[in-house]
Amino acid sequence: MAKGIKRIKWTGQGIVKKDSSIPNKKVVIAPDQHVFFEVDQWYDGTPETDKKKEYNLDFSGS
């Protein structure tokens, strides 16, 4: 059974390029900045202890 983060959502902090992004597929952000997300959905098998942990996701590259 799957567990962990199923979907994240943008918190509104940071600049997202809406004209280049595709909802639920791809997000394009302005360069040299931090953009913040939060967990929107968890897989059903995720323990409550995992849901209380702090997660840092680093997406980089071209």
PDB file of N, CA and C in Angstrom:
ATOM      1  N   MET A   1       0.843  -1.178   0.000  1.00  0.00           N
ATOM      2  CA  MET A   1       0.000   0.000   0.000  1.00  0.00           C
ATOM      3  C   MET A   1       0.892   1.247   0.000  1.00  0.00           C
ATOM      4  N   ALA A   2       0.538   2.218  -0.797  1.00  0.00           N
ATOM      5  CA  ALA A   2       1.319   3.439  -0.893  1.00  0.00           C
ATOM      6  C   ALA A   2       1.167   4.270   0.379  1.00  0.00           C
ATOM      7  N   LYS A   3       2.247   4.961   0.745  1.00  0.00           N
ATOM      8  CA  LYS A   3       2.173   5.889   1.859  1.00  0.00           C
ATOM      9  C   LYS A   3       3.074   7.073   1.558  1.00  0.00           C
ATOM     10  N   GLY A   4       2.791   8.200   2.209  1.00  0.00           N
ATOM     11  CA  GLY A   4       3.579   9.396   2.003  1.00  0.00           C
ATOM     12  C   GLY A   4       2.757  10.495   1.359  1.00  0.00           C
ATOM     13  N   ILE A   5       3.443  11.462   0.808  1.00  0.00           N
ATOM     14  CA  ILE A   5       2.795  12.623   0.199  1.00  0.00           C
ATOM     15  C   ILE A   5       2.211  12.228  -1.153  1.00  0.00           C
ATOM     16  N   LYS A   6       0.947  12.537  -1.344  1.00  0.00           N
ATOM     17  CA  LYS A   6       0.269  12.243  -2.609  1.00  0.00           C
ATOM     18  C   LYS A   6       0.237  13.475  -3.504  1.00  0.00           C
ATOM     19  N   ARG A   7      -0.038  14.652  -2.907  1.00  0.00           N
ATOM     20  CA  ARG A   7      -0.127  15.872  -3.709  1.00  0.00           C
ATOM     21  C   ARG A   7       0.264  17.071  -2.848  1.00  0.00           C
ATOM     22  N   ILE A   8       0.962  18.023  -3.463  1.00  0.00           N
ATOM     23  CA  ILE A   8       1.316  19.269  -2.782  1.00  0.00           C
ATOM     24  C   ILE A   8       0.584  20.421  -3.457  1.00  0.00           C
ATOM     25  N   LYS A   9       0.491  21.551  -2.736  1.00  0.00           N
ATOM     26  CA  LYS A   9      -0.119  22.738  -3.338  1.00  0.00           C
ATOM     27  C   LYS A   9       0.700  23.962  -2.955  1.00  0.00           C
ATOM     28  N   TRP A  10       0.668  24.946  -3.796  1.00  0.00           N
ATOM     29  CA  TRP A  10       1.393  26.199  -3.608  1.00  0.00           C
ATOM     30  C   TRP A  10       0.728  26.994  -2.492  1.00  0.00           C
ATOM     31  N   THR A  11       1.543  27.572  -1.600  1.00  0.00           N
ATOM     32  CA  THR A  11       1.017  28.344  -0.475  1.00  0.00           C
ATOM     33  C   THR A  11       0.683  29.783  -0.853  1.00  0.00           C
ATOM     34  N   GLY A  12       1.141  30.211  -2.021  1.00  0.00           N
ATOM     35  CA  GLY A  12       0.959  31.601  -2.425  1.00  0.00           C
ATOM     36  C   GLY A  12       2.218  32.432  -2.212  1.00  0.00           C
ATOM     37  N   GLN A  13       3.223  31.842  -1.567  1.00  0.00           N
ATOM     38  CA  GLN A  13       4.491  32.536  -1.339  1.00  0.00           C
ATOM     39  C   GLN A  13       5.447  32.231  -2.484  1.00  0.00           C
ATOM     40  N   GLY A  14       6.004  33.265  -3.076  1.00  0.00           N
ATOM     41  CA  GLY A  14       6.899  33.119  -4.209  1.00  0.00           C
ATOM     42  C   GLY A  14       6.154  33.410  -5.501  1.00  0.00           C
ATOM     43  N   ILE A  15       6.900  33.595  -6.558  1.00  0.00           N
ATOM     44  CA  ILE A  15       6.302  33.960  -7.843  1.00  0.00           C
ATOM     45  C   ILE A  15       6.202  32.728  -8.739  1.00  0.00           C
ATOM     46  N   VAL A  16       4.978  32.385  -9.094  1.00  0.00           N
ATOM     47  CA  VAL A  16       4.723  31.289 -10.033  1.00  0.00           C
ATOM     48  C   VAL A  16       4.339  31.902 -11.373  1.00  0.00           C
ATOM     49  N   LYS A  17       4.984  31.455 -12.432  1.00  0.00           N
ATOM     50  CA  LYS A  17       4.705  31.939 -13.786  1.00  0.00           C
ATOM     51  C   LYS A  17       3.462  31.224 -14.312  1.00  0.00           C
ATOM     52  N   LYS A  18       2.309  31.810 -14.112  1.00  0.00           N
ATOM     53  CA  LYS A  18       1.044  31.166 -14.468  1.00  0.00           C
ATOM     54  C   LYS A  18       0.910  30.905 -15.961  1.00  0.00           C
ATOM     55  N   ASP A  19       1.483  31.771 -16.797  1.00  0.00           N
ATOM     56  CA  ASP A  19       1.366  31.590 -18.243  1.00  0.00           C
ATOM     57  C   ASP A  19       2.161  30.393 -18.757  1.00  0.00           C
ATOM     58  N   SER A  20       3.180  29.954 -17.995  1.00  0.00           N
ATOM     59  CA  SER A  20       4.010  28.816 -18.414  1.00  0.00           C
ATOM     60  C   SER A  20       3.700  27.541 -17.638  1.00  0.00           C
ATOM     61  N   SER A  21       2.958  27.643 -16.550  1.00  0.00           N
ATOM     62  CA  SER A  21       2.637  26.488 -15.711  1.00  0.00           C
ATOM     63  C   SER A  21       1.399  25.763 -16.231  1.00  0.00           C
ATOM     64  N   ILE A  22       1.304  24.479 -15.901  1.00  0.00           N
ATOM     65  CA  ILE A  22       0.149  23.660 -16.262  1.00  0.00           C
ATOM     66  C   ILE A  22      -0.415  23.095 -14.962  1.00  0.00           C
ATOM     67  N   PRO A  23      -1.653  23.467 -14.583  1.00  0.00           N
ATOM     68  CA  PRO A  23      -2.219  22.997 -13.317  1.00  0.00           C
ATOM     69  C   PRO A  23      -2.159  21.473 -13.178  1.00  0.00           C
ATOM     70  N   ASN A  24      -1.734  21.031 -12.002  1.00  0.00           N
ATOM     71  CA  ASN A  24      -1.616  19.610 -11.642  1.00  0.00           C
ATOM     72  C   ASN A  24      -0.585  18.843 -12.462  1.00  0.00           C
ATOM     73  N   LYS A  25       0.236  19.542 -13.232  1.00  0.00           N
ATOM     74  CA  LYS A  25       1.260  18.891 -14.058  1.00  0.00           C
ATOM     75  C   LYS A  25       2.644  19.498 -13.862  1.00  0.00           C
ATOM     76  N   LYS A  26       2.736  20.835 -14.046  1.00  0.00           N
ATOM     77  CA  LYS A  26       4.035  21.507 -14.067  1.00  0.00           C
ATOM     78  C   LYS A  26       3.903  22.908 -13.489  1.00  0.00           C
ATOM     79  N   VAL A  27       4.867  23.291 -12.657  1.00  0.00           N
ATOM     80  CA  VAL A  27       4.899  24.653 -12.133  1.00  0.00           C
ATOM     81  C   VAL A  27       6.216  25.293 -12.563  1.00  0.00           C
ATOM     82  N   VAL A  28       6.134  26.509 -13.067  1.00  0.00           N
ATOM     83  CA  VAL A  28       7.317  27.268 -13.485  1.00  0.00           C
ATOM     84  C   VAL A  28       7.419  28.453 -12.547  1.00  0.00           C
ATOM     85  N   ILE A  29       8.592  28.607 -11.914  1.00  0.00           N
ATOM     86  CA  ILE A  29       8.780  29.696 -10.962  1.00  0.00           C
ATOM     87  C   ILE A  29       9.804  30.684 -11.487  1.00  0.00           C
ATOM     88  N   ALA A  30       9.767  31.896 -10.929  1.00  0.00           N
ATOM     89  CA  ALA A  30      10.756  32.915 -11.278  1.00  0.00           C
ATOM     90  C   ALA A  30      12.123  32.458 -10.741  1.00  0.00           C
ATOM     91  N   PRO A  31      13.209  32.807 -11.443  1.00  0.00           N
ATOM     92  CA  PRO A  31      14.538  32.353 -11.026  1.00  0.00           C
ATOM     93  C   PRO A  31      15.010  33.009  -9.727  1.00  0.00           C
ATOM     94  N   ASP A  32      15.942  32.331  -9.062  1.00  0.00           N
ATOM     95  CA  ASP A  32      16.626  32.846  -7.874  1.00  0.00           C
ATOM     96  C   ASP A  32      15.683  33.246  -6.747  1.00  0.00           C
ATOM     97  N   GLN A  33      14.715  32.404  -6.453  1.00  0.00           N
ATOM     98  CA  GLN A  33      13.819  32.676  -5.340  1.00  0.00           C
ATOM     99  C   GLN A  33      13.340  31.368  -4.741  1.00  0.00           C
ATOM    100  N   HIS A  34      12.698  31.477  -3.601  1.00  0.00           N
ATOM    101  CA  HIS A  34      12.093  30.320  -2.945  1.00  0.00           C
ATOM    102  C   HIS A  34      10.588  30.386  -3.154  1.00  0.00           C
ATOM    103  N   VAL A  35      10.002  29.254  -3.456  1.00  0.00           N
ATOM    104  CA  VAL A  35       8.551  29.132  -3.596  1.00  0.00           C
ATOM    105  C   VAL A  35       8.127  28.043  -2.614  1.00  0.00           C
ATOM    106  N   PHE A  36       7.049  28.281  -1.891  1.00  0.00           N
ATOM    107  CA  PHE A  36       6.652  27.380  -0.816  1.00  0.00           C
ATOM    108  C   PHE A  36       5.387  26.600  -1.155  1.00  0.00           C
ATOM    109  N   PHE A  37       5.412  25.332  -0.755  1.00  0.00           N
ATOM    110  CA  PHE A  37       4.301  24.418  -0.966  1.00  0.00           C
ATOM    111  C   PHE A  37       3.947  23.762   0.354  1.00  0.00           C
ATOM    112  N   GLU A  38       2.742  23.202   0.438  1.00  0.00           N
ATOM    113  CA  GLU A  38       2.324  22.441   1.599  1.00  0.00           C
ATOM    114  C   GLU A  38       1.654  21.160   1.117  1.00  0.00           C
ATOM    115  N   VAL A  39       1.557  20.195   2.004  1.00  0.00           N
ATOM    116  CA  VAL A  39       0.920  18.931   1.642  1.00  0.00           C
ATOM    117  C   VAL A  39      -0.573  19.165   1.484  1.00  0.00           C
ATOM    118  N   ASP A  40      -1.104  18.762   0.346  1.00  0.00           N
ATOM    119  CA  ASP A  40      -2.539  18.884   0.070  1.00  0.00           C
ATOM    120  C   ASP A  40      -3.252  17.563   0.349  1.00  0.00           C
ATOM    121  N   GLN A  41      -2.609  16.447  -0.017  1.00  0.00           N
ATOM    122  CA  GLN A  41      -3.203  15.125   0.210  1.00  0.00           C
ATOM    123  C   GLN A  41      -2.125  14.118   0.574  1.00  0.00           C
ATOM    124  N   TRP A  42      -2.494  13.187   1.443  1.00  0.00           N
ATOM    125  CA  TRP A  42      -1.635  12.070   1.834  1.00  0.00           C
ATOM    126  C   TRP A  42      -2.231  10.784   1.282  1.00  0.00           C
ATOM    127  N   TYR A  43      -1.376   9.806   1.007  1.00  0.00           N
ATOM    128  CA  TYR A  43      -1.879   8.472   0.671  1.00  0.00           C
ATOM    129  C   TYR A  43      -2.527   7.872   1.912  1.00  0.00           C
ATOM    130  N   ASP A  44      -3.525   7.016   1.700  1.00  0.00           N
ATOM    131  CA  ASP A  44      -4.285   6.435   2.809  1.00  0.00           C
ATOM    132  C   ASP A  44      -3.414   5.665   3.798  1.00  0.00           C
ATOM    133  N   GLY A  45      -2.352   5.047   3.347  1.00  0.00           N
ATOM    134  CA  GLY A  45      -1.505   4.233   4.227  1.00  0.00           C
ATOM    135  C   GLY A  45      -0.486   5.013   5.033  1.00  0.00           C
ATOM    136  N   THR A  46      -0.524   6.330   5.000  1.00  0.00           N
ATOM    137  CA  THR A  46       0.473   7.150   5.687  1.00  0.00           C
ATOM    138  C   THR A  46       0.173   7.230   7.186  1.00  0.00           C
ATOM    139  N   PRO A  47       1.122   6.826   8.045  1.00  0.00           N
ATOM    140  CA  PRO A  47       0.906   6.906   9.490  1.00  0.00           C
ATOM    141  C   PRO A  47       0.827   8.371   9.959  1.00  0.00           C
ATOM    142  N   GLU A  48       0.111   8.597  11.041  1.00  0.00           N
ATOM    143  CA  GLU A  48      -0.036   9.944  11.594  1.00  0.00           C
ATOM    144  C   GLU A  48       1.317  10.534  11.993  1.00  0.00           C
ATOM    145  N   THR A  49       2.249   9.696  12.435  1.00  0.00           N
ATOM    146  CA  THR A  49       3.576  10.196  12.813  1.00  0.00           C
ATOM    147  C   THR A  49       4.308  10.784  11.611  1.00  0.00           C
ATOM    148  N   ASP A  50       4.148  10.181  10.444  1.00  0.00           N
ATOM    149  CA  ASP A  50       4.769  10.718   9.227  1.00  0.00           C
ATOM    150  C   ASP A  50       4.142  12.043   8.820  1.00  0.00           C
ATOM    151  N   LYS A  51       2.857  12.197   9.052  1.00  0.00           N
ATOM    152  CA  LYS A  51       2.154  13.426   8.677  1.00  0.00           C
ATOM    153  C   LYS A  51       2.593  14.617   9.525  1.00  0.00           C
ATOM    154  N   LYS A  52       3.150  14.357  10.698  1.00  0.00           N
ATOM    155  CA  LYS A  52       3.570  15.435  11.601  1.00  0.00           C
ATOM    156  C   LYS A  52       5.018  15.864  11.370  1.00  0.00           C
ATOM    157  N   LYS A  53       5.746  15.122  10.549  1.00  0.00           N
ATOM    158  CA  LYS A  53       7.142  15.448  10.258  1.00  0.00           C
ATOM    159  C   LYS A  53       7.230  16.677   9.354  1.00  0.00           C
ATOM    160  N   GLU A  54       8.378  17.344   9.404  1.00  0.00           N
ATOM    161  CA  GLU A  54       8.639  18.450   8.487  1.00  0.00           C
ATOM    162  C   GLU A  54       9.335  17.887   7.257  1.00  0.00           C
ATOM    163  N   TYR A  55       8.837  18.268   6.094  1.00  0.00           N
ATOM    164  CA  TYR A  55       9.407  17.802   4.835  1.00  0.00           C
ATOM    165  C   TYR A  55       9.974  18.975   4.062  1.00  0.00           C
ATOM    166  N   ASN A  56      11.171  18.795   3.522  1.00  0.00           N
ATOM    167  CA  ASN A  56      11.797  19.790   2.656  1.00  0.00           C
ATOM    168  C   ASN A  56      12.030  19.135   1.307  1.00  0.00           C
ATOM    169  N   LEU A  57      11.431  19.700   0.280  1.00  0.00           N
ATOM    170  CA  LEU A  57      11.585  19.187  -1.075  1.00  0.00           C
ATOM    171  C   LEU A  57      12.436  20.164  -1.860  1.00  0.00           C
ATOM    172  N   ASP A  58      13.414  19.659  -2.565  1.00  0.00           N
ATOM    173  CA  ASP A  58      14.302  20.500  -3.356  1.00  0.00           C
ATOM    174  C   ASP A  58      14.217  20.050  -4.801  1.00  0.00           C
ATOM    175  N   PHE A  59      13.624  20.886  -5.624  1.00  0.00           N
ATOM    176  CA  PHE A  59      13.519  20.614  -7.050  1.00  0.00           C
ATOM    177  C   PHE A  59      14.458  21.580  -7.764  1.00  0.00           C
ATOM    178  N   SER A  60      15.417  21.054  -8.439  1.00  0.00           N
ATOM    179  CA  SER A  60      16.339  21.921  -9.162  1.00  0.00           C
ATOM    180  C   SER A  60      16.681  21.263 -10.491  1.00  0.00           C
ATOM    181  N   GLY A  61      17.162  22.061 -11.381  1.00  0.00           N
ATOM    182  CA  GLY A  61      17.544  21.542 -12.681  1.00  0.00           C
ATOM    183  C   GLY A  61      16.899  22.352 -13.786  1.00  0.00           C
ATOM    184  N   SER A  62      17.021  21.863 -14.985  1.00  0.00           N
ATOM    185  CA  SER A  62      16.489  22.608 -16.125  1.00  0.00           C
ATOM    186  C   SER A  62      15.188  22.008 -16.618  1.00  0.00           C
TER     187      SER A  62
END
